[in-house]
Amino acid sequence: MRPGYDWDLFCAVVDNYGDIGITWRLARQLASEHRLRVRLWVDDLAAFRCLRPEIDP
């Protein structure tokens, strides 16, 4: 991990699970391909739970 490269991504789930799906994939890609530390902020954890069942909203 490169020091000094922390990113915060914010996701507002508007009308479907595509919002969180795209943001989640972007966060994973930034972390894996660019070795960034990424923190994902989501306004609807229940929607995120459909993608990651281990999430406890």
Protein backbone atom coordinates (compact mmCIF):
# COMPACT_ATOMS: atom_id res chain seq x y z
CA MET A 1 0.00 0.00 0.00
CA ARG A 2 1.34 3.44 -0.89
CA PRO A 3 1.55 5.74 2.11
CA GLY A 4 -0.47 8.94 1.94
CA TYR A 5 -3.03 7.70 -0.57
CA ASP A 6 -6.30 7.26 1.29
CA TRP A 7 -9.52 7.74 -0.66
CA ASP A 8 -13.06 8.19 0.61
CA LEU A 9 -15.86 7.24 -1.79
CA PHE A 10 -19.42 8.32 -1.02
CA CYS A 11 -22.44 6.52 -2.42
CA ALA A 12 -26.01 7.74 -2.31
CA VAL A 13 -28.32 4.89 -3.28
CA VAL A 14 -30.96 6.60 -5.41
CA ASP A 15 -33.18 4.14 -7.21
CA ASN A 16 -31.60 0.69 -7.45
CA TYR A 17 -28.67 -1.47 -6.45
CA GLY A 18 -26.63 -0.31 -9.45
CA ASP A 19 -25.49 2.75 -7.53
CA ILE A 20 -23.87 0.72 -4.77
CA GLY A 21 -22.69 -1.97 -7.19
CA ILE A 22 -20.71 0.47 -9.32
CA THR A 23 -19.25 2.23 -6.28
CA TRP A 24 -18.30 -1.07 -4.63
CA ARG A 25 -16.55 -2.30 -7.80
CA LEU A 26 -14.72 1.03 -8.15
CA ALA A 27 -13.52 0.85 -4.54
CA ARG A 28 -12.26 -2.72 -5.01
CA GLN A 29 -10.53 -1.82 -8.28
CA LEU A 30 -8.77 1.21 -6.80
CA ALA A 31 -7.59 -0.89 -3.87
CA SER A 32 -6.38 -3.85 -5.91
CA GLU A 33 -5.00 -2.26 -9.09
CA HIS A 34 -3.69 1.02 -7.70
CA ARG A 35 -2.91 -0.11 -4.17
CA LEU A 36 -4.93 2.68 -2.58
CA ARG A 37 -6.58 2.49 0.81
CA VAL A 38 -10.27 3.11 0.09
CA ARG A 39 -13.06 3.80 2.57
CA LEU A 40 -16.59 3.41 1.17
CA TRP A 41 -19.39 5.48 2.71
CA VAL A 42 -22.91 4.28 1.91
CA ASP A 43 -26.19 5.95 2.88
CA ASP A 44 -28.23 2.73 2.62
CA LEU A 45 -26.52 -0.27 4.20
CA ALA A 46 -29.58 -2.45 3.62
CA ALA A 47 -29.06 -2.06 -0.14
CA PHE A 48 -25.37 -2.88 0.26
CA ARG A 49 -26.31 -6.05 2.12
CA CYS A 50 -27.74 -7.49 -1.11
CA LEU A 51 -24.18 -7.51 -2.48
CA ARG A 52 -22.37 -8.35 0.74
CA PRO A 53 -24.63 -10.49 2.98
CA GLU A 54 -22.17 -10.35 5.87
CA ILE A 55 -22.91 -6.62 6.29
CA ASP A 56 -24.96 -5.94 9.42
CA PRO A 57 -26.89 -2.70 8.84
